[in-house]
């Protein structure tokens, strides 16, 4: 099992939509949104599980505050409470871990080779093989490629 603090961070990102939006903006892709679309029921189950646990512990206000005002401090307080609850209740921790694994299995992945590369002069690149062992994978080769000169590239193969 992942360290509880890492698990708490993942759970917080999933249950707080504004945090997820910020994370999506940071990586420049809407992979997080796609994960939610594909695994919406599981995401809702994570949220309900967290909400029920915090409610039974008398700390549901932490979730509400973090949802309404997702500052770094409010998120850290929520994550700390989640860690405490998981340390006290291994069943809760195992349940969250299982749900997160389900979401990760449903989420698309992205593989990028040669992203935002500027070539000046001459360059030669051999064959490129991009292989994915995950179900839903977006594969990208030579995105935002700038060439000022000669570029010779071998065969490109993408397998999923």
Protein backbone atom coordinates (compact mmCIF):
# COMPACT_ATOMS: atom_id res chain seq x y z
CA UNK A 1 0.00 0.00 0.00
CA UNK A 2 1.14 3.53 -0.77
CA UNK A 3 2.15 5.75 2.16
CA UNK A 4 -0.99 7.20 3.72
CA UNK A 5 0.09 10.79 3.04
CA UNK A 6 0.37 10.06 -0.69
CA UNK A 7 -3.01 8.33 -0.67
CA UNK A 8 -4.54 11.29 1.19
CA UNK A 9 -3.16 13.67 -1.45
CA UNK A 10 -4.64 11.62 -4.28
CA UNK A 11 -7.99 11.37 -2.51
CA UNK A 12 -8.04 15.12 -1.87
CA UNK A 13 -7.36 15.81 -5.54
CA UNK A 14 -10.26 13.57 -6.52
CA UNK A 15 -12.85 14.82 -4.03
CA UNK A 16 -12.12 18.53 -4.52
CA UNK A 17 -13.04 19.50 -8.09
CA UNK A 18 -11.32 22.91 -7.89
CA UNK A 19 -8.04 21.22 -6.92
CA UNK A 20 -8.44 18.85 -9.86
CA UNK A 21 -9.03 21.80 -12.22
CA UNK A 22 -5.82 23.47 -10.99
CA UNK A 23 -3.88 20.22 -11.39
CA UNK A 24 -5.21 19.83 -14.94
CA UNK A 25 -4.14 23.37 -15.80
CA UNK A 26 -0.66 22.78 -14.42
CA UNK A 27 -0.01 19.79 -16.66
CA UNK A 28 -1.64 21.48 -19.61
CA UNK A 29 -3.85 18.52 -20.39
CA UNK A 30 -7.35 17.61 -19.30
CA UNK A 31 -6.41 14.06 -18.40
CA UNK A 32 -7.94 14.52 -14.96
CA UNK A 33 -11.25 15.50 -16.50
CA UNK A 34 -11.19 12.49 -18.79
CA UNK A 35 -10.55 10.27 -15.80
CA UNK A 36 -13.57 11.72 -14.05
CA UNK A 37 -15.75 11.23 -17.11
CA UNK A 38 -14.67 7.60 -17.48
CA UNK A 39 -14.85 6.73 -13.81
CA UNK A 40 -17.47 9.15 -12.49
CA UNK A 41 -19.24 6.55 -10.36
CA UNK A 42 -16.02 5.53 -8.65
CA UNK A 43 -15.07 9.17 -8.04
CA UNK A 44 -18.46 9.76 -6.45
CA UNK A 45 -17.96 6.67 -4.29
CA UNK A 46 -14.58 8.02 -3.10
CA UNK A 47 -16.20 11.32 -2.23
CA UNK A 48 -19.08 9.63 -0.39
CA UNK A 49 -16.69 7.35 1.49
CA UNK A 50 -14.59 10.31 2.64
CA UNK A 51 -17.65 12.36 3.47
CA UNK A 52 -19.17 9.55 5.56
CA UNK A 53 -15.92 8.92 7.41
CA UNK A 54 -15.39 12.58 8.25
CA UNK A 55 -19.02 12.90 9.29
CA UNK A 56 -18.75 9.96 11.68
CA UNK A 57 -15.54 11.49 13.10
CA UNK A 58 -17.21 14.88 13.54
CA UNK A 59 -14.83 16.60 11.10
CA UNK A 60 -17.01 16.93 7.98
CA UNK A 61 -16.55 20.71 8.17
CA UNK A 62 -12.96 20.23 6.98
CA UNK A 63 -14.18 18.83 3.66
CA UNK A 64 -16.77 21.57 3.26
CA UNK A 65 -14.21 24.29 4.01
CA UNK A 66 -11.69 22.81 1.56
CA UNK A 67 -14.37 22.55 -1.13
CA UNK A 68 -15.53 26.12 -0.67
CA UNK A 69 -12.06 27.61 -0.25
CA UNK A 70 -9.38 25.24 -1.59
CA UNK A 71 -6.36 27.08 -0.22
CA UNK A 72 -3.15 25.16 0.34
CA UNK A 73 -3.66 25.38 4.11
CA UNK A 74 -7.25 24.05 3.98
CA UNK A 75 -6.18 21.20 1.72
CA UNK A 76 -3.27 20.29 4.02
CA UNK A 77 -5.60 20.26 7.03
CA UNK A 78 -8.00 17.95 5.16
CA UNK A 79 -5.15 15.68 4.06
CA UNK A 80 -3.87 15.54 7.64
CA UNK A 81 -7.31 14.49 8.88
CA UNK A 82 -7.54 11.84 6.17
CA UNK A 83 -4.13 10.46 7.21
CA UNK A 84 -5.26 10.35 10.84
CA UNK A 85 -8.47 8.55 9.93
CA UNK A 86 -6.59 6.03 7.75
CA UNK A 87 -4.07 5.36 10.53
CA UNK A 88 -6.91 4.68 12.96
CA UNK A 89 -9.00 2.64 10.51
CA UNK A 90 -7.01 0.37 8.20
CA UNK A 91 -10.25 -0.78 6.56
CA UNK A 92 -10.96 2.82 5.51
CA UNK A 93 -7.43 3.14 4.13
CA UNK A 94 -7.74 -0.15 2.21
CA UNK A 95 -11.13 0.89 0.80
CA UNK A 96 -9.73 4.20 -0.46
CA UNK A 97 -6.66 2.47 -1.91
CA UNK A 98 -8.88 0.03 -3.82
CA UNK A 99 -11.08 2.83 -5.18
CA UNK A 100 -8.06 4.86 -6.28
CA UNK A 101 -6.65 1.82 -8.08
CA UNK A 102 -9.97 1.43 -9.91
CA UNK A 103 -9.85 5.06 -11.02
CA UNK A 104 -6.23 4.75 -12.14
CA UNK A 105 -7.06 1.64 -14.18
CA UNK A 106 -9.88 3.52 -15.93
CA UNK A 107 -7.93 6.73 -16.51
CA UNK A 108 -6.27 7.38 -19.85
CA UNK A 109 -2.54 7.85 -20.00
CA UNK A 110 -0.43 9.92 -22.36
CA UNK A 111 2.97 9.20 -23.85
CA UNK A 112 4.89 12.01 -25.51
CA UNK A 113 8.17 11.75 -27.41
CA UNK A 114 9.95 14.89 -28.68
CA UNK A 115 7.71 17.57 -27.18
CA UNK A 116 8.61 21.23 -27.75
CA UNK A 117 11.97 20.52 -29.33
CA UNK A 118 13.91 23.11 -31.36
CA UNK A 119 16.49 21.79 -33.79
CA UNK A 120 19.06 24.12 -35.33
CA UNK A 121 21.39 22.76 -37.94
CA UNK A 122 21.20 19.07 -38.75
CA UNK A 123 19.86 16.25 -36.61
CA UNK A 124 19.32 12.57 -37.19
CA UNK A 125 17.01 10.48 -35.04
CA UNK A 126 16.82 6.73 -35.37
CA UNK A 127 13.69 4.62 -35.26
CA UNK A 128 11.16 5.41 -32.54
CA UNK A 129 8.88 2.78 -31.03
CA UNK A 130 6.25 3.90 -28.57
CA UNK A 131 4.67 1.03 -26.64
CA UNK A 132 1.85 1.23 -24.13
CA UNK A 133 0.72 -1.57 -21.86
CA UNK A 134 -2.23 0.48 -20.59
CA UNK A 135 -5.73 0.30 -22.02
CA UNK A 136 -6.49 3.86 -23.06
CA UNK A 137 -3.33 5.69 -24.08
CA UNK A 138 -2.82 8.78 -26.18
CA UNK A 139 0.50 8.57 -28.00
CA UNK A 140 2.13 11.69 -29.42
CA UNK A 141 5.38 12.03 -31.37
CA UNK A 142 7.05 15.32 -32.34
CA UNK A 143 4.57 17.80 -30.90
CA UNK A 144 5.59 21.46 -31.19
CA UNK A 145 8.66 20.53 -33.19
CA UNK A 146 10.67 23.42 -34.62
CA UNK A 147 13.29 22.69 -37.26
CA UNK A 148 15.73 25.24 -38.64
CA UNK A 149 17.83 23.06 -40.86
CA UNK A 150 17.76 19.36 -41.74
CA UNK A 151 15.99 16.65 -39.74
CA UNK A 152 16.18 13.01 -40.63
CA UNK A 153 13.95 10.69 -38.61
CA UNK A 154 13.67 6.91 -38.87
CA UNK A 155 10.48 4.89 -38.71
CA UNK A 156 7.91 5.70 -36.02
CA UNK A 157 5.87 2.85 -34.60
CA UNK A 158 3.11 3.27 -32.03
CA UNK A 159 1.66 0.23 -30.28
CA UNK A 160 -0.92 -0.01 -27.57
